[in-house]
Amino acid sequence: MRFGGICIETRDAPRLAAFYRILLRQEPKVEGNHYAFGNIAVYDPGGVAEAEGHPAWLQCFAAGLDAEYERLRREIPGLKVISPPERRPWGAYSFHLADPDGNRIAVAEAAE
């Protein structure tokens, strides 16, 4: 078995897809209300109630973490920052944010 990807259901796929387009610096493949970014899909099947509590985290990696953090703050108005870049107790240098639906995203510094 291998992980194939994740589909985030939302009531507003265009809004959420716009967020991920900036976050991932990638144009999605669009089919109706389905936006595919490789292993991440954003989809509005209609009548969706987003999961309460948002227990899962998306994990991303970026070289130049501080510059990436500042880029996202500039390019995404009202970015929901959970925690700014900091060294975590387990050694990772990362920041945490939330997408417009409240799904949490951890961005850690990638090894050069």
PDB file of N, CA and C in Angstrom:
ATOM      1  N   MET A   1       0.850  -1.177   0.000  1.00  0.00           N
ATOM      2  CA  MET A   1       0.000   0.000   0.000  1.00  0.00           C
ATOM      3  C   MET A   1       0.892   1.235   0.000  1.00  0.00           C
ATOM      4  N   ARG A   2       0.454   2.266  -0.706  1.00  0.00           N
ATOM      5  CA  ARG A   2       1.173   3.538  -0.700  1.00  0.00           C
ATOM      6  C   ARG A   2       0.159   4.662  -0.625  1.00  0.00           C
ATOM      7  N   PHE A   3       0.578   5.760  -0.059  1.00  0.00           N
ATOM      8  CA  PHE A   3      -0.285   6.930   0.060  1.00  0.00           C
ATOM      9  C   PHE A   3      -0.487   7.542  -1.313  1.00  0.00           C
ATOM     10  N   GLY A   4      -1.743   7.823  -1.669  1.00  0.00           N
ATOM     11  CA  GLY A   4      -2.040   8.385  -2.978  1.00  0.00           C
ATOM     12  C   GLY A   4      -2.315   9.872  -2.966  1.00  0.00           C
ATOM     13  N   GLY A   5      -2.793  10.391  -1.852  1.00  0.00           N
ATOM     14  CA  GLY A   5      -3.089  11.817  -1.784  1.00  0.00           C
ATOM     15  C   GLY A   5      -4.206  12.098  -0.809  1.00  0.00           C
ATOM     16  N   ILE A   6      -4.638  13.333  -0.798  1.00  0.00           N
ATOM     17  CA  ILE A   6      -5.693  13.762   0.105  1.00  0.00           C
ATOM     18  C   ILE A   6      -6.659  14.654  -0.657  1.00  0.00           C
ATOM     19  N   CYS A   7      -7.939  14.504  -0.355  1.00  0.00           N
ATOM     20  CA  CYS A   7      -8.973  15.349  -0.945  1.00  0.00           C
ATOM     21  C   CYS A   7      -9.617  16.151   0.178  1.00  0.00           C
ATOM     22  N   ILE A   8      -9.592  17.448   0.038  1.00  0.00           N
ATOM     23  CA  ILE A   8     -10.175  18.333   1.040  1.00  0.00           C
ATOM     24  C   ILE A   8     -11.528  18.794   0.515  1.00  0.00           C
ATOM     25  N   GLU A   9     -12.601  18.364   1.169  1.00  0.00           N
ATOM     26  CA  GLU A   9     -13.932  18.802   0.765  1.00  0.00           C
ATOM     27  C   GLU A   9     -14.225  20.154   1.390  1.00  0.00           C
ATOM     28  N   THR A  10     -14.876  20.994   0.619  1.00  0.00           N
ATOM     29  CA  THR A  10     -15.140  22.358   1.054  1.00  0.00           C
ATOM     30  C   THR A  10     -16.431  22.862   0.430  1.00  0.00           C
ATOM     31  N   ARG A  11     -16.997  23.880   1.016  1.00  0.00           N
ATOM     32  CA  ARG A  11     -18.177  24.529   0.443  1.00  0.00           C
ATOM     33  C   ARG A  11     -17.795  25.566  -0.609  1.00  0.00           C
ATOM     34  N   ASP A  12     -16.516  25.959  -0.657  1.00  0.00           N
ATOM     35  CA  ASP A  12     -16.069  27.008  -1.572  1.00  0.00           C
ATOM     36  C   ASP A  12     -14.748  26.602  -2.217  1.00  0.00           C
ATOM     37  N   ALA A  13     -14.818  25.709  -3.195  1.00  0.00           N
ATOM     38  CA  ALA A  13     -13.617  25.179  -3.843  1.00  0.00           C
ATOM     39  C   ALA A  13     -12.781  26.261  -4.529  1.00  0.00           C
ATOM     40  N   PRO A  14     -13.369  27.234  -5.244  1.00  0.00           N
ATOM     41  CA  PRO A  14     -12.526  28.252  -5.873  1.00  0.00           C
ATOM     42  C   PRO A  14     -11.703  29.049  -4.856  1.00  0.00           C
ATOM     43  N   ARG A  15     -12.297  29.400  -3.716  1.00  0.00           N
ATOM     44  CA  ARG A  15     -11.581  30.148  -2.672  1.00  0.00           C
ATOM     45  C   ARG A  15     -10.439  29.315  -2.108  1.00  0.00           C
ATOM     46  N   LEU A  16     -10.707  28.062  -1.788  1.00  0.00           N
ATOM     47  CA  LEU A  16      -9.685  27.206  -1.203  1.00  0.00           C
ATOM     48  C   LEU A  16      -8.597  26.879  -2.229  1.00  0.00           C
ATOM     49  N   ALA A  17      -8.982  26.662  -3.481  1.00  0.00           N
ATOM     50  CA  ALA A  17      -8.004  26.394  -4.538  1.00  0.00           C
ATOM     51  C   ALA A  17      -7.086  27.597  -4.749  1.00  0.00           C
ATOM     52  N   ALA A  18      -7.615  28.809  -4.643  1.00  0.00           N
ATOM     53  CA  ALA A  18      -6.788  30.009  -4.781  1.00  0.00           C
ATOM     54  C   ALA A  18      -5.723  30.054  -3.686  1.00  0.00           C
ATOM     55  N   PHE A  19      -6.089  29.660  -2.476  1.00  0.00           N
ATOM     56  CA  PHE A  19      -5.142  29.597  -1.362  1.00  0.00           C
ATOM     57  C   PHE A  19      -4.024  28.601  -1.672  1.00  0.00           C
ATOM     58  N   TYR A  20      -4.392  27.392  -2.085  1.00  0.00           N
ATOM     59  CA  TYR A  20      -3.383  26.357  -2.355  1.00  0.00           C
ATOM     60  C   TYR A  20      -2.547  26.686  -3.599  1.00  0.00           C
ATOM     61  N   ARG A  21      -3.103  27.407  -4.554  1.00  0.00           N
ATOM     62  CA  ARG A  21      -2.329  27.825  -5.724  1.00  0.00           C
ATOM     63  C   ARG A  21      -1.163  28.704  -5.277  1.00  0.00           C
ATOM     64  N   ILE A  22      -1.418  29.632  -4.353  1.00  0.00           N
ATOM     65  CA  ILE A  22      -0.354  30.495  -3.834  1.00  0.00           C
ATOM     66  C   ILE A  22       0.593  29.692  -2.943  1.00  0.00           C
ATOM     67  N   LEU A  23       0.041  28.895  -2.037  1.00  0.00           N
ATOM     68  CA  LEU A  23       0.856  28.119  -1.106  1.00  0.00           C
ATOM     69  C   LEU A  23       1.830  27.213  -1.855  1.00  0.00           C
ATOM     70  N   LEU A  24       1.326  26.482  -2.838  1.00  0.00           N
ATOM     71  CA  LEU A  24       2.135  25.485  -3.533  1.00  0.00           C
ATOM     72  C   LEU A  24       2.844  26.008  -4.777  1.00  0.00           C
ATOM     73  N   ARG A  25       2.551  27.263  -5.159  1.00  0.00           N
ATOM     74  CA  ARG A  25       3.104  27.839  -6.394  1.00  0.00           C
ATOM     75  C   ARG A  25       2.850  26.902  -7.569  1.00  0.00           C
ATOM     76  N   GLN A  26       1.595  26.484  -7.685  1.00  0.00           N
ATOM     77  CA  GLN A  26       1.232  25.505  -8.706  1.00  0.00           C
ATOM     78  C   GLN A  26      -0.176  25.798  -9.206  1.00  0.00           C
ATOM     79  N   GLU A  27      -0.353  25.712 -10.510  1.00  0.00           N
ATOM     80  CA  GLU A  27      -1.690  25.857 -11.083  1.00  0.00           C
ATOM     81  C   GLU A  27      -2.394  24.510 -11.015  1.00  0.00           C
ATOM     82  N   PRO A  28      -3.627  24.490 -10.564  1.00  0.00           N
ATOM     83  CA  PRO A  28      -4.335  23.214 -10.462  1.00  0.00           C
ATOM     84  C   PRO A  28      -4.893  22.755 -11.809  1.00  0.00           C
ATOM     85  N   LYS A  29      -5.125  21.479 -11.905  1.00  0.00           N
ATOM     86  CA  LYS A  29      -5.903  20.934 -13.008  1.00  0.00           C
ATOM     87  C   LYS A  29      -7.356  21.046 -12.541  1.00  0.00           C
ATOM     88  N   VAL A  30      -8.190  21.704 -13.344  1.00  0.00           N
ATOM     89  CA  VAL A  30      -9.562  21.991 -12.920  1.00  0.00           C
ATOM     90  C   VAL A  30     -10.547  21.197 -13.762  1.00  0.00           C
ATOM     91  N   GLU A  31     -11.448  20.517 -13.070  1.00  0.00           N
ATOM     92  CA  GLU A  31     -12.556  19.814 -13.711  1.00  0.00           C
ATOM     93  C   GLU A  31     -13.802  20.114 -12.884  1.00  0.00           C
ATOM     94  N   GLY A  32     -14.621  21.049 -13.358  1.00  0.00           N
ATOM     95  CA  GLY A  32     -15.814  21.437 -12.601  1.00  0.00           C
ATOM     96  C   GLY A  32     -15.442  22.026 -11.265  1.00  0.00           C
ATOM     97  N   ASN A  33     -15.936  21.417 -10.178  1.00  0.00           N
ATOM     98  CA  ASN A  33     -15.660  21.880  -8.816  1.00  0.00           C
ATOM     99  C   ASN A  33     -14.507  21.115  -8.181  1.00  0.00           C
ATOM    100  N   HIS A  34     -13.654  20.492  -8.989  1.00  0.00           N
ATOM    101  CA  HIS A  34     -12.521  19.701  -8.506  1.00  0.00           C
ATOM    102  C   HIS A  34     -11.229  20.355  -8.986  1.00  0.00           C
ATOM    103  N   TYR A  35     -10.334  20.645  -8.045  1.00  0.00           N
ATOM    104  CA  TYR A  35      -9.048  21.290  -8.331  1.00  0.00           C
ATOM    105  C   TYR A  35      -7.946  20.341  -7.855  1.00  0.00           C
ATOM    106  N   ALA A  36      -7.115  19.868  -8.762  1.00  0.00           N
ATOM    107  CA  ALA A  36      -6.067  18.908  -8.415  1.00  0.00           C
ATOM    108  C   ALA A  36      -4.695  19.568  -8.444  1.00  0.00           C
ATOM    109  N   PHE A  37      -3.977  19.413  -7.336  1.00  0.00           N
ATOM    110  CA  PHE A  37      -2.599  19.892  -7.194  1.00  0.00           C
ATOM    111  C   PHE A  37      -1.721  18.671  -6.919  1.00  0.00           C
ATOM    112  N   GLY A  38      -1.533  17.813  -7.862  1.00  0.00           N
ATOM    113  CA  GLY A  38      -0.749  16.601  -7.618  1.00  0.00           C
ATOM    114  C   GLY A  38      -1.470  15.708  -6.623  1.00  0.00           C
ATOM    115  N   ASN A  39      -0.899  15.533  -5.430  1.00  0.00           N
ATOM    116  CA  ASN A  39      -1.478  14.647  -4.422  1.00  0.00           C
ATOM    117  C   ASN A  39      -2.502  15.323  -3.518  1.00  0.00           C
ATOM    118  N   ILE A  40      -2.807  16.585  -3.786  1.00  0.00           N
ATOM    119  CA  ILE A  40      -3.820  17.293  -3.006  1.00  0.00           C
ATOM    120  C   ILE A  40      -4.938  17.706  -3.952  1.00  0.00           C
ATOM    121  N   ALA A  41      -6.164  17.400  -3.558  1.00  0.00           N
ATOM    122  CA  ALA A  41      -7.318  17.831  -4.341  1.00  0.00           C
ATOM    123  C   ALA A  41      -8.237  18.655  -3.452  1.00  0.00           C
ATOM    124  N   VAL A  42      -8.839  19.667  -4.042  1.00  0.00           N
ATOM    125  CA  VAL A  42      -9.839  20.492  -3.371  1.00  0.00           C
ATOM    126  C   VAL A  42     -11.127  20.287  -4.146  1.00  0.00           C
ATOM    127  N   TYR A  43     -12.211  19.951  -3.439  1.00  0.00           N
ATOM    128  CA  TYR A  43     -13.429  19.543  -4.126  1.00  0.00           C
ATOM    129  C   TYR A  43     -14.668  20.033  -3.395  1.00  0.00           C
ATOM    130  N   ASP A  44     -15.632  20.516  -4.168  1.00  0.00           N
ATOM    131  CA  ASP A  44     -16.932  20.902  -3.629  1.00  0.00           C
ATOM    132  C   ASP A  44     -17.995  20.020  -4.265  1.00  0.00           C
ATOM    133  N   PRO A  45     -18.383  18.925  -3.576  1.00  0.00           N
ATOM    134  CA  PRO A  45     -19.408  18.052  -4.130  1.00  0.00           C
ATOM    135  C   PRO A  45     -20.823  18.579  -3.895  1.00  0.00           C
ATOM    136  N   GLY A  46     -20.936  19.683  -3.169  1.00  0.00           N
ATOM    137  CA  GLY A  46     -22.242  20.261  -2.846  1.00  0.00           C
ATOM    138  C   GLY A  46     -22.744  19.745  -1.513  1.00  0.00           C
ATOM    139  N   GLY A  47     -23.261  20.645  -0.697  1.00  0.00           N
ATOM    140  CA  GLY A  47     -23.840  20.266   0.590  1.00  0.00           C
ATOM    141  C   GLY A  47     -22.854  19.751   1.612  1.00  0.00           C
ATOM    142  N   VAL A  48     -21.607  20.163   1.533  1.00  0.00           N
ATOM    143  CA  VAL A  48     -20.581  19.651   2.444  1.00  0.00           C
ATOM    144  C   VAL A  48     -20.527  20.492   3.713  1.00  0.00           C
ATOM    145  N   ALA A  49     -20.451  19.804   4.832  1.00  0.00           N
ATOM    146  CA  ALA A  49     -20.163  20.464   6.107  1.00  0.00           C
ATOM    147  C   ALA A  49     -18.735  20.080   6.450  1.00  0.00           C
ATOM    148  N   GLU A  50     -17.821  21.058   6.507  1.00  0.00           N
ATOM    149  CA  GLU A  50     -16.435  20.758   6.795  1.00  0.00           C
ATOM    150  C   GLU A  50     -16.327  20.042   8.142  1.00  0.00           C
ATOM    151  N   ALA A  51     -15.382  19.120   8.220  1.00  0.00           N
ATOM    152  CA  ALA A  51     -15.179  18.368   9.452  1.00  0.00           C
ATOM    153  C   ALA A  51     -14.821  19.321  10.581  1.00  0.00           C
ATOM    154  N   GLU A  52     -15.478  19.131  11.721  1.00  0.00           N
ATOM    155  CA  GLU A  52     -15.166  19.976  12.865  1.00  0.00           C
ATOM    156  C   GLU A  52     -13.898  19.479  13.539  1.00  0.00           C
ATOM    157  N   GLY A  53     -13.111  20.385  14.024  1.00  0.00           N
ATOM    158  CA  GLY A  53     -11.904  20.033  14.750  1.00  0.00           C
ATOM    159  C   GLY A  53     -10.681  19.886  13.867  1.00  0.00           C
ATOM    160  N   HIS A  54     -10.833  19.583  12.616  1.00  0.00           N
ATOM    161  CA  HIS A  54      -9.725  19.450  11.674  1.00  0.00           C
ATOM    162  C   HIS A  54      -8.556  18.689  12.303  1.00  0.00           C
ATOM    163  N   PRO A  55      -8.710  17.365  12.537  1.00  0.00           N
ATOM    164  CA  PRO A  55      -7.676  16.618  13.251  1.00  0.00           C
ATOM    165  C   PRO A  55      -6.406  16.338  12.449  1.00  0.00           C
ATOM    166  N   ALA A  56      -6.448  16.417  11.131  1.00  0.00           N
ATOM    167  CA  ALA A  56      -5.270  16.120  10.319  1.00  0.00           C
ATOM    168  C   ALA A  56      -4.483  17.391  10.017  1.00  0.00           C
ATOM    169  N   TRP A  57      -3.192  17.216   9.825  1.00  0.00           N
ATOM    170  CA  TRP A  57      -2.308  18.298   9.403  1.00  0.00           C
ATOM    171  C   TRP A  57      -1.739  17.948   8.042  1.00  0.00           C
ATOM    172  N   LEU A  58      -1.587  18.918   7.169  1.00  0.00           N
ATOM    173  CA  LEU A  58      -0.834  18.743   5.938  1.00  0.00           C
ATOM    174  C   LEU A  58       0.597  19.131   6.252  1.00  0.00           C
ATOM    175  N   GLN A  59       1.555  18.385   5.724  1.00  0.00           N
ATOM    176  CA  GLN A  59       2.967  18.672   5.970  1.00  0.00           C
ATOM    177  C   GLN A  59       3.615  19.087   4.662  1.00  0.00           C
ATOM    178  N   CYS A  60       4.232  20.260   4.649  1.00  0.00           N
ATOM    179  CA  CYS A  60       4.959  20.763   3.481  1.00  0.00           C
ATOM    180  C   CYS A  60       6.394  21.054   3.899  1.00  0.00           C
ATOM    181  N   PHE A  61       7.279  21.080   2.909  1.00  0.00           N
ATOM    182  CA  PHE A  61       8.677  21.402   3.157  1.00  0.00           C
ATOM    183  C   PHE A  61       9.078  22.537   2.232  1.00  0.00           C
ATOM    184  N   ALA A  62       9.931  23.429   2.717  1.00  0.00           N
ATOM    185  CA  ALA A  62      10.377  24.566   1.912  1.00  0.00           C
ATOM    186  C   ALA A  62      11.814  24.904   2.273  1.00  0.00           C
ATOM    187  N   ALA A  63      12.608  25.167   1.253  1.00  0.00           N
ATOM    188  CA  ALA A  63      13.949  25.701   1.481  1.00  0.00           C
ATOM    189  C   ALA A  63      13.785  27.196   1.740  1.00  0.00           C
ATOM    190  N   GLY A  64      14.636  27.768   2.569  1.00  0.00           N
ATOM    191  CA  GLY A  64      14.501  29.194   2.870  1.00  0.00           C
ATOM    192  C   GLY A  64      13.199  29.480   3.590  1.00  0.00           C
ATOM    193  N   LEU A  65      13.003  28.838   4.709  1.00  0.00           N
ATOM    194  CA  LEU A  65      11.728  28.893   5.421  1.00  0.00           C
ATOM    195  C   LEU A  65      11.287  30.313   5.766  1.00  0.00           C
ATOM    196  N   ASP A  66      12.195  31.145   6.243  1.00  0.00           N
ATOM    197  CA  ASP A  66      11.809  32.508   6.621  1.00  0.00           C
ATOM    198  C   ASP A  66      11.308  33.292   5.408  1.00  0.00           C
ATOM    199  N   ALA A  67      11.993  33.155   4.281  1.00  0.00           N
ATOM    200  CA  ALA A  67      11.563  33.843   3.060  1.00  0.00           C
ATOM    201  C   ALA A  67      10.205  33.322   2.595  1.00  0.00           C
ATOM    202  N   GLU A  68       9.979  32.021   2.718  1.00  0.00           N
ATOM    203  CA  GLU A  68       8.692  31.433   2.320  1.00  0.00           C
ATOM    204  C   GLU A  68       7.568  31.946   3.219  1.00  0.00           C
ATOM    205  N   TYR A  69       7.839  32.047   4.500  1.00  0.00           N
ATOM    206  CA  TYR A  69       6.860  32.579   5.455  1.00  0.00           C
ATOM    207  C   TYR A  69       6.483  34.021   5.085  1.00  0.00           C
ATOM    208  N   GLU A  70       7.482  34.849   4.813  1.00  0.00           N
ATOM    209  CA  GLU A  70       7.214  36.242   4.448  1.00  0.00           C
ATOM    210  C   GLU A  70       6.474  36.336   3.117  1.00  0.00           C
ATOM    211  N   ARG A  71       6.806  35.472   2.154  1.00  0.00           N
ATOM    212  CA  ARG A  71       6.102  35.465   0.866  1.00  0.00           C
ATOM    213  C   ARG A  71       4.612  35.169   1.064  1.00  0.00           C
ATOM    214  N   LEU A  72       4.316  34.167   1.860  1.00  0.00           N
ATOM    215  CA  LEU A  72       2.909  33.808   2.095  1.00  0.00           C
ATOM    216  C   LEU A  72       2.171  34.928   2.822  1.00  0.00           C
ATOM    217  N   ARG A  73       2.810  35.578   3.775  1.00  0.00           N
ATOM    218  CA  ARG A  73       2.170  36.695   4.480  1.00  0.00           C
ATOM    219  C   ARG A  73       1.870  37.846   3.533  1.00  0.00           C
ATOM    220  N   ARG A  74       2.750  38.089   2.552  1.00  0.00           N
ATOM    221  CA  ARG A  74       2.530  39.160   1.565  1.00  0.00           C
ATOM    222  C   ARG A  74       1.438  38.779   0.572  1.00  0.00           C
ATOM    223  N   GLU A  75       1.449  37.543   0.098  1.00  0.00           N
ATOM    224  CA  GLU A  75       0.596  37.151  -1.017  1.00  0.00           C
ATOM    225  C   GLU A  75      -0.790  36.648  -0.629  1.00  0.00           C
ATOM    226  N   ILE A  76      -0.988  36.290   0.630  1.00  0.00           N
ATOM    227  CA  ILE A  76      -2.298  35.784   1.060  1.00  0.00           C
ATOM    228  C   ILE A  76      -2.877  36.746   2.094  1.00  0.00           C
ATOM    229  N   PRO A  77      -3.792  37.615   1.674  1.00  0.00           N
ATOM    230  CA  PRO A  77      -4.400  38.551   2.622  1.00  0.00           C
ATOM    231  C   PRO A  77      -5.120  37.786   3.742  1.00  0.00           C
ATOM    232  N   GLY A  78      -4.908  38.215   4.967  1.00  0.00           N
ATOM    233  CA  GLY A  78      -5.587  37.590   6.101  1.00  0.00           C
ATOM    234  C   GLY A  78      -5.091  36.193   6.420  1.00  0.00           C
ATOM    235  N   LEU A  79      -3.862  35.857   6.031  1.00  0.00           N
ATOM    236  CA  LEU A  79      -3.305  34.530   6.305  1.00  0.00           C
ATOM    237  C   LEU A  79      -3.455  34.198   7.780  1.00  0.00           C
ATOM    238  N   LYS A  80      -3.986  33.018   8.066  1.00  0.00           N
ATOM    239  CA  LYS A  80      -4.174  32.575   9.453  1.00  0.00           C
ATOM    240  C   LYS A  80      -2.906  31.872   9.927  1.00  0.00           C
ATOM    241  N   VAL A  81      -2.065  32.590  10.644  1.00  0.00           N
ATOM    242  CA  VAL A  81      -0.820  32.032  11.179  1.00  0.00           C
ATOM    243  C   VAL A  81      -1.117  31.437  12.547  1.00  0.00           C
ATOM    244  N   ILE A  82      -0.829  30.154  12.703  1.00  0.00           N
ATOM    245  CA  ILE A  82      -0.982  29.483  13.996  1.00  0.00           C
ATOM    246  C   ILE A  82       0.262  29.733  14.839  1.00  0.00           C
ATOM    247  N   SER A  83       1.435  29.604  14.209  1.00  0.00           N
ATOM    248  CA  SER A  83       2.685  29.939  14.892  1.00  0.00           C
ATOM    249  C   SER A  83       3.721  30.340  13.848  1.00  0.00           C
ATOM    250  N   PRO A  84       4.495  31.378  14.132  1.00  0.00           N
ATOM    251  CA  PRO A  84       5.523  31.848  13.196  1.00  0.00           C
ATOM    252  C   PRO A  84       6.703  30.873  13.183  1.00  0.00           C
ATOM    253  N   PRO A  85       7.667  31.100  12.297  1.00  0.00           N
ATOM    254  CA  PRO A  85       8.829  30.216  12.261  1.00  0.00           C
ATOM    255  C   PRO A  85       9.533  30.161  13.610  1.00  0.00           C
ATOM    256  N   GLU A  86       9.787  28.945  14.045  1.00  0.00           N
ATOM    257  CA  GLU A  86      10.527  28.743  15.290  1.00  0.00           C
ATOM    258  C   GLU A  86      11.113  27.340  15.306  1.00  0.00           C
ATOM    259  N   ARG A  87      12.148  27.171  16.108  1.00  0.00           N
ATOM    260  CA  ARG A  87      12.771  25.867  16.300  1.00  0.00           C
ATOM    261  C   ARG A  87      11.909  25.087  17.284  1.00  0.00           C
ATOM    262  N   ARG A  88      11.458  23.924  16.883  1.00  0.00           N
ATOM    263  CA  ARG A  88      10.592  23.088  17.726  1.00  0.00           C
ATOM    264  C   ARG A  88      11.449  22.242  18.678  1.00  0.00           C
ATOM    265  N   PRO A  89      10.856  21.768  19.784  1.00  0.00           N
ATOM    266  CA  PRO A  89      11.628  20.964  20.738  1.00  0.00           C
ATOM    267  C   PRO A  89      12.274  19.729  20.112  1.00  0.00           C
ATOM    268  N   TRP A  90      11.698  19.197  19.046  1.00  0.00           N
ATOM    269  CA  TRP A  90      12.243  17.999  18.400  1.00  0.00           C
ATOM    270  C   TRP A  90      13.266  18.348  17.317  1.00  0.00           C
ATOM    271  N   GLY A  91      13.586  19.656  17.173  1.00  0.00           N
ATOM    272  CA  GLY A  91      14.642  20.079  16.273  1.00  0.00           C
ATOM    273  C   GLY A  91      14.197  20.674  14.954  1.00  0.00           C
ATOM    274  N   ALA A  92      12.961  20.477  14.559  1.00  0.00           N
ATOM    275  CA  ALA A  92      12.490  21.013  13.281  1.00  0.00           C
ATOM    276  C   ALA A  92      12.352  22.535  13.362  1.00  0.00           C
ATOM    277  N   TYR A  93      12.676  23.213  12.266  1.00  0.00           N
ATOM    278  CA  TYR A  93      12.430  24.643  12.136  1.00  0.00           C
ATOM    279  C   TYR A  93      11.217  24.763  11.232  1.00  0.00           C
ATOM    280  N   SER A  94      10.111  25.298  11.775  1.00  0.00           N
ATOM    281  CA  SER A  94       8.860  25.283  11.017  1.00  0.00           C
ATOM    282  C   SER A  94       7.937  26.410  11.438  1.00  0.00           C
ATOM    283  N   PHE A  95       6.900  26.618  10.599  1.00  0.00           N
ATOM    284  CA  PHE A  95       5.790  27.485  10.979  1.00  0.00           C
ATOM    285  C   PHE A  95       4.499  26.732  10.687  1.00  0.00           C
ATOM    286  N   HIS A  96       3.439  27.175  11.346  1.00  0.00           N
ATOM    287  CA  HIS A  96       2.138  26.531  11.197  1.00  0.00           C
ATOM    288  C   HIS A  96       1.106  27.576  10.789  1.00  0.00           C
ATOM    289  N   LEU A  97       0.227  27.185   9.877  1.00  0.00           N
ATOM    290  CA  LEU A  97      -0.836  28.078   9.445  1.00  0.00           C
ATOM    291  C   LEU A  97      -2.090  27.273   9.174  1.00  0.00           C
ATOM    292  N   ALA A  98      -3.167  27.967   8.864  1.00  0.00           N
ATOM    293  CA  ALA A  98      -4.434  27.312   8.547  1.00  0.00           C
ATOM    294  C   ALA A  98      -4.943  27.857   7.229  1.00  0.00           C
ATOM    295  N   ASP A  99      -5.573  26.968   6.453  1.00  0.00           N
ATOM    296  CA  ASP A  99      -6.186  27.423   5.209  1.00  0.00           C
ATOM    297  C   ASP A  99      -7.509  28.115   5.539  1.00  0.00           C
ATOM    298  N   PRO A 100      -8.187  28.686   4.565  1.00  0.00           N
ATOM    299  CA  PRO A 100      -9.419  29.425   4.859  1.00  0.00           C
ATOM    300  C   PRO A 100     -10.532  28.599   5.517  1.00  0.00           C
ATOM    301  N   ASP A 101     -10.487  27.253   5.385  1.00  0.00           N
ATOM    302  CA  ASP A 101     -11.479  26.406   6.046  1.00  0.00           C
ATOM    303  C   ASP A 101     -11.034  25.942   7.423  1.00  0.00           C
ATOM    304  N   GLY A 102      -9.812  26.290   7.827  1.00  0.00           N
ATOM    305  CA  GLY A 102      -9.306  25.896   9.133  1.00  0.00           C
ATOM    306  C   GLY A 102      -8.435  24.652   9.117  1.00  0.00           C
ATOM    307  N   ASN A 103      -8.209  24.017   7.955  1.00  0.00           N
ATOM    308  CA  ASN A 103      -7.303  22.882   7.882  1.00  0.00           C
ATOM    309  C   ASN A 103      -5.893  23.374   8.190  1.00  0.00           C
ATOM    310  N   ARG A 104      -5.187  22.611   9.015  1.00  0.00           N
ATOM    311  CA  ARG A 104      -3.881  23.048   9.496  1.00  0.00           C
ATOM    312  C   ARG A 104      -2.744  22.545   8.601  1.00  0.00           C
ATOM    313  N   ILE A 105      -1.731  23.396   8.455  1.00  0.00           N
ATOM    314  CA  ILE A 105      -0.608  23.103   7.582  1.00  0.00           C
ATOM    315  C   ILE A 105       0.676  23.408   8.350  1.00  0.00           C
ATOM    316  N   ALA A 106       1.578  22.443   8.396  1.00  0.00           N
ATOM    317  CA  ALA A 106       2.902  22.641   8.971  1.00  0.00           C
ATOM    318  C   ALA A 106       3.885  22.761   7.817  1.00  0.00           C
ATOM    319  N   VAL A 107       4.687  23.809   7.839  1.00  0.00           N
ATOM    320  CA  VAL A 107       5.717  24.001   6.811  1.00  0.00           C
ATOM    321  C   VAL A 107       7.054  23.969   7.523  1.00  0.00           C
ATOM    322  N   ALA A 108       7.866  22.946   7.181  1.00  0.00           N
ATOM    323  CA  ALA A 108       9.163  22.759   7.816  1.00  0.00           C
ATOM    324  C   ALA A 108      10.279  23.047   6.815  1.00  0.00           C
ATOM    325  N   GLU A 109      11.413  23.463   7.350  1.00  0.00           N
ATOM    326  CA  GLU A 109      12.546  23.747   6.485  1.00  0.00           C
ATOM    327  C   GLU A 109      13.074  22.468   5.874  1.00  0.00           C
ATOM    328  N   ALA A 110      13.230  22.480   4.566  1.00  0.00           N
ATOM    329  CA  ALA A 110      13.758  21.331   3.837  1.00  0.00           C
ATOM    330  C   ALA A 110      15.277  21.387   3.856  1.00  0.00           C
ATOM    331  N   ALA A 111      15.880  20.230   3.863  1.00  0.00           N
ATOM    332  CA  ALA A 111      17.342  20.169   3.788  1.00  0.00           C
ATOM    333  C   ALA A 111      17.774  20.668   2.410  1.00  0.00           C
ATOM    334  N   GLU A 112      18.774  21.478   2.378  1.00  0.00           N
ATOM    335  CA  GLU A 112      19.263  22.030   1.093  1.00  0.00           C
ATOM    336  C   GLU A 112      19.932  20.956   0.278  1.00  0.00           C
TER     337      GLU A 112
END
